[in-house]
Amino acid sequence: MLGAILGLGGGVIMLPALEMLLHYDAAMMVGTTMLAVVFTSAGGAWGHFRNGNVLWREGLIVGGGGLLGMVLGSWIFKHYMSSDTNLIFVLLGILFLFMTLKMGREAWQEWSAKGETAAVLDESPTLSAGRVAALMLLGLLTGIFSGMLGVGGGWILVPGIIMIARLSPHKAVGTTMLAMLPIAILGASIKLAQGFVVWPDGLFLGLGALIGAQLGARVSNRIPSKVMKLLFSVLFLLLAVKYIL
């Protein structure tokens, strides 16, 4: 639910939960989370589509670029990261530190009414060749990070889509959920073939996330995002300290 509200695949929430509550090792934690992200992105995309917040062109362009990035990121994970637990945890710590700064900054801008959301457009703009290339590159980078860390990549996609496609935040979140779907499906398939997925836990986690994504899509226009971002900036800071230190 929280992932759908904030435009995340839920990986940044599920990763530490698997490690701290179920005591997963780093490699299985990443792979199992990737499977659950499939359900989150599918449910979130459908819920936001029904609310009219999904732009198919932009989402599919980003998702297409993400497929190549996922292959590369999964190869890096298999050959350089899966046997190095400390490396995975340090990278996760850096990810959570980035998320702390990002969400804290956004929350501050919204609280102080200095956000620039009024400057973005709600309608889909004309896609020039340069804008298409930028969206594909955004997807490529997202796929690489997703393949390496098992996250959906919403923390990259939402601000990137807002900046490149000039969409409103709600449409950026909905389009992000669509873009993450093909990336997550390919990523989960690769992680499964590599032997890094615990099927039962991943399925139950994914089904719970699917239900939550529908609820999140319904209430995303009602809960002030600045409140959620402020709370999660504190949570992510604690996780960053835990994984880095």
C-alpha atoms as a PDB file:
ATOM      1  CA  MET A   1       0.000   0.000   0.000  1.00  0.00           C
ATOM      2  CA  LEU A   2       2.761   2.424   0.946  1.00  0.00           C
ATOM      3  CA  GLY A   3       4.604   1.651  -2.275  1.00  0.00           C
ATOM      4  CA  ALA A   4       1.592   2.574  -4.385  1.00  0.00           C
ATOM      5  CA  ILE A   5       1.092   5.816  -2.454  1.00  0.00           C
ATOM      6  CA  LEU A   6       4.719   6.891  -2.828  1.00  0.00           C
ATOM      7  CA  GLY A   7       5.313   5.483  -6.315  1.00  0.00           C
ATOM      8  CA  LEU A   8       7.665   2.726  -5.142  1.00  0.00           C
ATOM      9  CA  GLY A   9       7.653  -0.939  -6.023  1.00  0.00           C
ATOM     10  CA  GLY A  10       7.820  -1.704  -2.316  1.00  0.00           C
ATOM     11  CA  GLY A  11      11.297  -3.222  -2.493  1.00  0.00           C
ATOM     12  CA  VAL A  12      12.817  -0.618  -0.188  1.00  0.00           C
ATOM     13  CA  ILE A  13      10.233  -1.651   2.416  1.00  0.00           C
ATOM     14  CA  MET A  14      10.287  -5.422   1.858  1.00  0.00           C
ATOM     15  CA  LEU A  15      14.078  -5.800   1.694  1.00  0.00           C
ATOM     16  CA  PRO A  16      14.784  -4.829   5.315  1.00  0.00           C
ATOM     17  CA  ALA A  17      11.634  -6.644   6.473  1.00  0.00           C
ATOM     18  CA  LEU A  18      12.882  -9.948   5.046  1.00  0.00           C
ATOM     19  CA  GLU A  19      16.318  -9.448   6.545  1.00  0.00           C
ATOM     20  CA  MET A  20      15.231  -8.329  10.015  1.00  0.00           C
ATOM     21  CA  LEU A  21      12.038 -10.358  10.504  1.00  0.00           C
ATOM     22  CA  LEU A  22      12.762 -13.566   8.570  1.00  0.00           C
ATOM     23  CA  HIS A  23      16.566 -13.471   8.757  1.00  0.00           C
ATOM     24  CA  TYR A  24      17.143 -13.916   5.031  1.00  0.00           C
ATOM     25  CA  ASP A  25      20.675 -13.870   3.695  1.00  0.00           C
ATOM     26  CA  ALA A  26      21.398 -10.963   1.374  1.00  0.00           C
ATOM     27  CA  ALA A  27      21.151 -12.823  -1.953  1.00  0.00           C
ATOM     28  CA  MET A  28      17.833 -14.568  -1.190  1.00  0.00           C
ATOM     29  CA  MET A  29      16.474 -11.317   0.224  1.00  0.00           C
ATOM     30  CA  VAL A  30      17.120  -9.518  -3.068  1.00  0.00           C
ATOM     31  CA  GLY A  31      15.675 -12.279  -5.275  1.00  0.00           C
ATOM     32  CA  THR A  32      12.545 -12.915  -3.222  1.00  0.00           C
ATOM     33  CA  THR A  33      11.797  -9.204  -3.026  1.00  0.00           C
ATOM     34  CA  MET A  34      12.064  -8.967  -6.821  1.00  0.00           C
ATOM     35  CA  LEU A  35       9.310 -11.573  -7.170  1.00  0.00           C
ATOM     36  CA  ALA A  36       7.044  -9.654  -4.791  1.00  0.00           C
ATOM     37  CA  VAL A  37       7.634  -6.422  -6.725  1.00  0.00           C
ATOM     38  CA  VAL A  38       5.934  -8.047  -9.741  1.00  0.00           C
ATOM     39  CA  PHE A  39       2.675  -8.160  -7.798  1.00  0.00           C
ATOM     40  CA  THR A  40       3.098  -4.667  -6.392  1.00  0.00           C
ATOM     41  CA  SER A  41       3.747  -3.073  -9.761  1.00  0.00           C
ATOM     42  CA  ALA A  42       0.918  -4.996 -11.444  1.00  0.00           C
ATOM     43  CA  GLY A  43      -1.597  -4.075  -8.766  1.00  0.00           C
ATOM     44  CA  GLY A  44      -0.414  -0.497  -8.567  1.00  0.00           C
ATOM     45  CA  ALA A  45      -0.495  -0.043 -12.339  1.00  0.00           C
ATOM     46  CA  TRP A  46      -4.034  -1.406 -12.553  1.00  0.00           C
ATOM     47  CA  GLY A  47      -5.289   0.712  -9.669  1.00  0.00           C
ATOM     48  CA  HIS A  48      -3.737   3.901 -11.045  1.00  0.00           C
ATOM     49  CA  PHE A  49      -4.991   3.060 -14.545  1.00  0.00           C
ATOM     50  CA  ARG A  50      -8.546   2.944 -13.231  1.00  0.00           C
ATOM     51  CA  ASN A  51      -7.941   6.373 -11.689  1.00  0.00           C
ATOM     52  CA  GLY A  52      -6.715   7.718 -15.032  1.00  0.00           C
ATOM     53  CA  ASN A  53      -3.143   8.216 -13.856  1.00  0.00           C
ATOM     54  CA  VAL A  54      -1.276   5.937 -16.300  1.00  0.00           C
ATOM     55  CA  LEU A  55       0.265   7.118 -19.583  1.00  0.00           C
ATOM     56  CA  TRP A  56       0.941   4.034 -21.699  1.00  0.00           C
ATOM     57  CA  ARG A  57       3.463   5.481 -24.133  1.00  0.00           C
ATOM     58  CA  GLU A  58       5.816   6.852 -21.530  1.00  0.00           C
ATOM     59  CA  GLY A  59       5.446   3.802 -19.295  1.00  0.00           C
ATOM     60  CA  LEU A  60       6.196   1.282 -22.040  1.00  0.00           C
ATOM     61  CA  ILE A  61       9.172   3.288 -23.341  1.00  0.00           C
ATOM     62  CA  VAL A  62      10.727   3.397 -19.872  1.00  0.00           C
ATOM     63  CA  GLY A  63       9.886  -0.242 -19.259  1.00  0.00           C
ATOM     64  CA  GLY A  64      11.455  -1.268 -22.555  1.00  0.00           C
ATOM     65  CA  GLY A  65      14.708   0.428 -21.667  1.00  0.00           C
ATOM     66  CA  GLY A  66      14.581  -1.200 -18.260  1.00  0.00           C
ATOM     67  CA  LEU A  67      14.594  -4.716 -19.723  1.00  0.00           C
ATOM     68  CA  LEU A  68      18.132  -4.325 -21.058  1.00  0.00           C
ATOM     69  CA  GLY A  69      19.245  -2.744 -17.801  1.00  0.00           C
ATOM     70  CA  MET A  70      17.745  -5.636 -15.835  1.00  0.00           C
ATOM     71  CA  VAL A  71      19.789  -8.170 -17.804  1.00  0.00           C
ATOM     72  CA  LEU A  72      22.978  -6.228 -17.112  1.00  0.00           C
ATOM     73  CA  GLY A  73      22.161  -5.619 -13.439  1.00  0.00           C
ATOM     74  CA  SER A  74      21.291  -9.287 -12.870  1.00  0.00           C
ATOM     75  CA  TRP A  75      24.585 -10.362 -14.454  1.00  0.00           C
ATOM     76  CA  ILE A  76      26.487  -8.022 -12.133  1.00  0.00           C
ATOM     77  CA  PHE A  77      24.545  -9.366  -9.146  1.00  0.00           C
ATOM     78  CA  LYS A  78      25.204 -13.005 -10.030  1.00  0.00           C
ATOM     79  CA  HIS A  79      28.934 -12.689 -10.701  1.00  0.00           C
ATOM     80  CA  TYR A  80      30.040  -9.930  -8.323  1.00  0.00           C
ATOM     81  CA  MET A  81      27.487  -9.428  -5.544  1.00  0.00           C
ATOM     82  CA  SER A  82      25.682 -12.655  -4.645  1.00  0.00           C
ATOM     83  CA  SER A  83      28.660 -14.036  -2.720  1.00  0.00           C
ATOM     84  CA  ASP A  84      29.588 -10.729  -1.060  1.00  0.00           C
ATOM     85  CA  THR A  85      27.042 -10.016   1.676  1.00  0.00           C
ATOM     86  CA  ASN A  86      28.855  -6.942   2.939  1.00  0.00           C
ATOM     87  CA  LEU A  87      28.808  -5.327  -0.502  1.00  0.00           C
ATOM     88  CA  ILE A  88      25.050  -5.813  -0.802  1.00  0.00           C
ATOM     89  CA  PHE A  89      24.410  -4.328   2.636  1.00  0.00           C
ATOM     90  CA  VAL A  90      26.664  -1.330   1.985  1.00  0.00           C
ATOM     91  CA  LEU A  91      24.907  -0.629  -1.324  1.00  0.00           C
ATOM     92  CA  LEU A  92      21.544  -0.952   0.419  1.00  0.00           C
ATOM     93  CA  GLY A  93      22.745   1.495   3.058  1.00  0.00           C
ATOM     94  CA  ILE A  94      23.704   3.982   0.354  1.00  0.00           C
ATOM     95  CA  LEU A  95      20.294   3.454  -1.275  1.00  0.00           C
ATOM     96  CA  PHE A  96      18.477   4.168   1.986  1.00  0.00           C
ATOM     97  CA  LEU A  97      20.646   7.226   2.619  1.00  0.00           C
ATOM     98  CA  PHE A  98      19.726   8.554  -0.823  1.00  0.00           C
ATOM     99  CA  MET A  99      16.049   7.843  -0.114  1.00  0.00           C
ATOM    100  CA  THR A 100      16.348   9.717   3.202  1.00  0.00           C
ATOM    101  CA  LEU A 101      17.718  12.815   1.491  1.00  0.00           C
ATOM    102  CA  LYS A 102      15.248  12.592  -1.391  1.00  0.00           C
ATOM    103  CA  MET A 103      12.104  12.149   0.695  1.00  0.00           C
ATOM    104  CA  GLY A 104      13.239  14.607   3.340  1.00  0.00           C
ATOM    105  CA  ARG A 105      13.864  17.256   0.686  1.00  0.00           C
ATOM    106  CA  GLU A 106      10.498  16.617  -0.983  1.00  0.00           C
ATOM    107  CA  ALA A 107       8.678  16.721   2.351  1.00  0.00           C
ATOM    108  CA  TRP A 108      10.368  20.024   3.212  1.00  0.00           C
ATOM    109  CA  GLN A 109       9.433  21.517  -0.153  1.00  0.00           C
ATOM    110  CA  GLU A 110       5.806  20.472   0.245  1.00  0.00           C
ATOM    111  CA  TRP A 111       5.575  21.703   3.831  1.00  0.00           C
ATOM    112  CA  SER A 112       7.081  25.049   2.868  1.00  0.00           C
ATOM    113  CA  ALA A 113       4.997  25.255  -0.324  1.00  0.00           C
ATOM    114  CA  LYS A 114       8.121  25.553  -2.448  1.00  0.00           C
ATOM    115  CA  GLY A 115       7.436  22.537  -4.633  1.00  0.00           C
ATOM    116  CA  GLU A 116       7.347  23.036  -8.360  1.00  0.00           C
ATOM    117  CA  THR A 117       4.363  20.853  -9.108  1.00  0.00           C
ATOM    118  CA  ALA A 118       2.486  23.763 -10.620  1.00  0.00           C
ATOM    119  CA  ALA A 119       5.011  23.882 -13.414  1.00  0.00           C
ATOM    120  CA  VAL A 120       4.361  20.350 -14.635  1.00  0.00           C
ATOM    121  CA  LEU A 121       1.662  19.257 -17.027  1.00  0.00           C
ATOM    122  CA  ASP A 122      -1.177  16.787 -16.533  1.00  0.00           C
ATOM    123  CA  GLU A 123      -1.440  15.995 -20.218  1.00  0.00           C
ATOM    124  CA  SER A 124       0.935  13.777 -22.173  1.00  0.00           C
ATOM    125  CA  PRO A 125       3.356  15.985 -24.106  1.00  0.00           C
ATOM    126  CA  THR A 126       4.619  15.402 -27.602  1.00  0.00           C
ATOM    127  CA  LEU A 127       7.424  12.862 -27.456  1.00  0.00           C
ATOM    128  CA  SER A 128      10.412  14.135 -29.394  1.00  0.00           C
ATOM    129  CA  ALA A 129      13.299  11.836 -30.284  1.00  0.00           C
ATOM    130  CA  GLY A 130      15.363  13.359 -27.492  1.00  0.00           C
ATOM    131  CA  ARG A 131      12.621  12.824 -24.924  1.00  0.00           C
ATOM    132  CA  VAL A 132      12.155   9.193 -26.022  1.00  0.00           C
ATOM    133  CA  ALA A 133      15.902   8.596 -25.729  1.00  0.00           C
ATOM    134  CA  ALA A 134      15.933  10.175 -22.257  1.00  0.00           C
ATOM    135  CA  LEU A 135      13.057   7.968 -21.096  1.00  0.00           C
ATOM    136  CA  MET A 136      14.779   4.840 -22.433  1.00  0.00           C
ATOM    137  CA  LEU A 137      18.016   5.816 -20.680  1.00  0.00           C
ATOM    138  CA  LEU A 138      16.058   6.356 -17.472  1.00  0.00           C
ATOM    139  CA  GLY A 139      14.640   2.856 -17.829  1.00  0.00           C
ATOM    140  CA  LEU A 140      18.080   1.412 -18.546  1.00  0.00           C
ATOM    141  CA  LEU A 141      19.577   2.885 -15.366  1.00  0.00           C
ATOM    142  CA  THR A 142      16.566   1.775 -13.343  1.00  0.00           C
ATOM    143  CA  GLY A 143      16.842  -1.776 -14.668  1.00  0.00           C
ATOM    144  CA  ILE A 144      20.510  -1.962 -13.690  1.00  0.00           C
ATOM    145  CA  PHE A 145      19.808  -0.898 -10.107  1.00  0.00           C
ATOM    146  CA  SER A 146      16.787  -3.199  -9.910  1.00  0.00           C
ATOM    147  CA  GLY A 147      18.802  -6.177 -11.092  1.00  0.00           C
ATOM    148  CA  MET A 148      21.530  -5.458  -8.554  1.00  0.00           C
ATOM    149  CA  LEU A 149      19.408  -4.692  -5.488  1.00  0.00           C
ATOM    150  CA  GLY A 150      15.995  -6.260  -6.096  1.00  0.00           C
ATOM    151  CA  VAL A 151      14.071  -2.981  -5.895  1.00  0.00           C
ATOM    152  CA  GLY A 152      11.442  -1.824  -8.354  1.00  0.00           C
ATOM    153  CA  GLY A 153      13.144   1.480  -9.063  1.00  0.00           C
ATOM    154  CA  GLY A 154      10.330   3.893  -8.315  1.00  0.00           C
ATOM    155  CA  TRP A 155      12.759   6.045  -6.334  1.00  0.00           C
ATOM    156  CA  ILE A 156      14.508   6.786  -9.666  1.00  0.00           C
ATOM    157  CA  LEU A 157      11.541   6.665 -12.018  1.00  0.00           C
ATOM    158  CA  VAL A 158       9.087   9.044 -10.357  1.00  0.00           C
ATOM    159  CA  PRO A 159      11.361  12.123 -10.254  1.00  0.00           C
ATOM    160  CA  GLY A 160      12.858  11.168 -13.620  1.00  0.00           C
ATOM    161  CA  ILE A 161       9.487  10.908 -15.348  1.00  0.00           C
ATOM    162  CA  ILE A 162       8.323  14.177 -13.790  1.00  0.00           C
ATOM    163  CA  MET A 163      11.426  15.935 -15.092  1.00  0.00           C
ATOM    164  CA  ILE A 164      11.558  14.364 -18.574  1.00  0.00           C
ATOM    165  CA  ALA A 165       7.882  13.911 -19.464  1.00  0.00           C
ATOM    166  CA  ARG A 166       6.626  16.899 -17.424  1.00  0.00           C
ATOM    167  CA  LEU A 167       3.826  14.963 -15.747  1.00  0.00           C
ATOM    168  CA  SER A 168       1.975  15.728 -12.538  1.00  0.00           C
ATOM    169  CA  PRO A 169       3.096  13.701  -9.493  1.00  0.00           C
ATOM    170  CA  HIS A 170       0.034  11.446  -9.527  1.00  0.00           C
ATOM    171  CA  LYS A 171       0.435  10.626 -13.221  1.00  0.00           C
ATOM    172  CA  ALA A 172       4.154  10.094 -12.702  1.00  0.00           C
ATOM    173  CA  VAL A 173       3.434   7.579  -9.938  1.00  0.00           C
ATOM    174  CA  GLY A 174       0.877   5.684 -12.039  1.00  0.00           C
ATOM    175  CA  THR A 175       3.121   5.626 -15.100  1.00  0.00           C
ATOM    176  CA  THR A 176       6.026   4.462 -12.937  1.00  0.00           C
ATOM    177  CA  MET A 177       4.029   1.472 -11.701  1.00  0.00           C
ATOM    178  CA  LEU A 178       3.383   0.456 -15.318  1.00  0.00           C
ATOM    179  CA  ALA A 179       7.035   0.915 -16.298  1.00  0.00           C
ATOM    180  CA  MET A 180       8.186  -1.257 -13.396  1.00  0.00           C
ATOM    181  CA  LEU A 181       6.010  -4.215 -14.409  1.00  0.00           C
ATOM    182  CA  PRO A 182       8.065  -5.618 -17.343  1.00  0.00           C
ATOM    183  CA  ILE A 183      11.284  -4.842 -15.464  1.00  0.00           C
ATOM    184  CA  ALA A 184      10.088  -6.746 -12.397  1.00  0.00           C
ATOM    185  CA  ILE A 185       8.779  -9.725 -14.413  1.00  0.00           C
ATOM    186  CA  LEU A 186      12.093 -10.178 -16.194  1.00  0.00           C
ATOM    187  CA  GLY A 187      14.052  -9.582 -12.991  1.00  0.00           C
ATOM    188  CA  ALA A 188      12.054 -12.152 -11.020  1.00  0.00           C
ATOM    189  CA  SER A 189      12.457 -14.694 -13.842  1.00  0.00           C
ATOM    190  CA  ILE A 190      16.228 -14.195 -13.909  1.00  0.00           C
ATOM    191  CA  LYS A 191      16.548 -14.347 -10.114  1.00  0.00           C
ATOM    192  CA  LEU A 192      14.476 -17.540 -10.126  1.00  0.00           C
ATOM    193  CA  ALA A 193      16.728 -19.135 -12.732  1.00  0.00           C
ATOM    194  CA  GLN A 194      19.754 -18.068 -10.690  1.00  0.00           C
ATOM    195  CA  GLY A 195      18.324 -19.761  -7.597  1.00  0.00           C
ATOM    196  CA  PHE A 196      17.809 -16.649  -5.489  1.00  0.00           C
ATOM    197  CA  VAL A 197      14.032 -16.809  -4.925  1.00  0.00           C
ATOM    198  CA  VAL A 198      12.109 -18.452  -2.065  1.00  0.00           C
ATOM    199  CA  TRP A 199       8.867 -19.173  -3.903  1.00  0.00           C
ATOM    200  CA  PRO A 200       6.346 -19.550  -1.041  1.00  0.00           C
ATOM    201  CA  ASP A 201       7.473 -16.453   0.842  1.00  0.00           C
ATOM    202  CA  GLY A 202       7.740 -14.425  -2.349  1.00  0.00           C
ATOM    203  CA  LEU A 203       4.229 -15.369  -3.447  1.00  0.00           C
ATOM    204  CA  PHE A 204       2.627 -14.627  -0.076  1.00  0.00           C
ATOM    205  CA  LEU A 205       4.539 -11.375   0.175  1.00  0.00           C
ATOM    206  CA  GLY A 206       3.504 -10.482  -3.353  1.00  0.00           C
ATOM    207  CA  LEU A 207      -0.167 -11.288  -2.792  1.00  0.00           C
ATOM    208  CA  GLY A 208      -0.206  -9.117   0.309  1.00  0.00           C
ATOM    209  CA  ALA A 209       1.499  -6.351  -1.635  1.00  0.00           C
ATOM    210  CA  LEU A 210      -1.049  -6.753  -4.457  1.00  0.00           C
ATOM    211  CA  ILE A 211      -3.926  -6.119  -2.065  1.00  0.00           C
ATOM    212  CA  GLY A 212      -2.051  -3.240  -0.493  1.00  0.00           C
ATOM    213  CA  ALA A 213      -1.306  -1.716  -3.889  1.00  0.00           C
ATOM    214  CA  GLN A 214      -5.023  -1.521  -4.662  1.00  0.00           C
ATOM    215  CA  LEU A 215      -5.681   0.207  -1.354  1.00  0.00           C
ATOM    216  CA  GLY A 216      -2.742   2.524  -1.907  1.00  0.00           C
ATOM    217  CA  ALA A 217      -3.969   3.533  -5.354  1.00  0.00           C
ATOM    218  CA  ARG A 218      -7.392   4.325  -3.888  1.00  0.00           C
ATOM    219  CA  VAL A 219      -6.130   6.506  -1.072  1.00  0.00           C
ATOM    220  CA  SER A 220      -3.141   8.073  -2.817  1.00  0.00           C
ATOM    221  CA  ASN A 221      -5.157  11.218  -3.551  1.00  0.00           C
ATOM    222  CA  ARG A 222      -6.373  11.486   0.055  1.00  0.00           C
ATOM    223  CA  ILE A 223      -3.306  11.029   2.259  1.00  0.00           C
ATOM    224  CA  PRO A 224      -0.925  14.015   2.241  1.00  0.00           C
ATOM    225  CA  SER A 225       2.234  12.694   0.624  1.00  0.00           C
ATOM    226  CA  LYS A 226       4.351  15.088   2.680  1.00  0.00           C
ATOM    227  CA  VAL A 227       3.340  13.276   5.868  1.00  0.00           C
ATOM    228  CA  MET A 228       4.290   9.875   4.454  1.00  0.00           C
ATOM    229  CA  LYS A 229       7.560  11.202   3.062  1.00  0.00           C
ATOM    230  CA  LEU A 230       8.550  12.775   6.350  1.00  0.00           C
ATOM    231  CA  LEU A 231       7.907   9.559   8.283  1.00  0.00           C
ATOM    232  CA  PHE A 232       9.735   7.421   5.758  1.00  0.00           C
ATOM    233  CA  SER A 233      12.701   9.764   5.613  1.00  0.00           C
ATOM    234  CA  VAL A 234      13.227   9.022   9.316  1.00  0.00           C
ATOM    235  CA  LEU A 235      12.779   5.272   8.772  1.00  0.00           C
ATOM    236  CA  PHE A 236      15.183   5.199   5.828  1.00  0.00           C
ATOM    237  CA  LEU A 237      17.776   7.137   7.821  1.00  0.00           C
ATOM    238  CA  LEU A 238      17.694   4.486  10.541  1.00  0.00           C
ATOM    239  CA  LEU A 239      18.037   1.735   7.933  1.00  0.00           C
ATOM    240  CA  ALA A 240      20.936   3.529   6.253  1.00  0.00           C
ATOM    241  CA  VAL A 241      22.802   3.713   9.547  1.00  0.00           C
ATOM    242  CA  LYS A 242      22.073   0.037  10.237  1.00  0.00           C
ATOM    243  CA  TYR A 243      23.364  -1.244   6.887  1.00  0.00           C
ATOM    244  CA  ILE A 244      26.371   1.049   6.517  1.00  0.00           C
ATOM    245  CA  LEU A 245      27.617   0.669  10.083  1.00  0.00           C
END
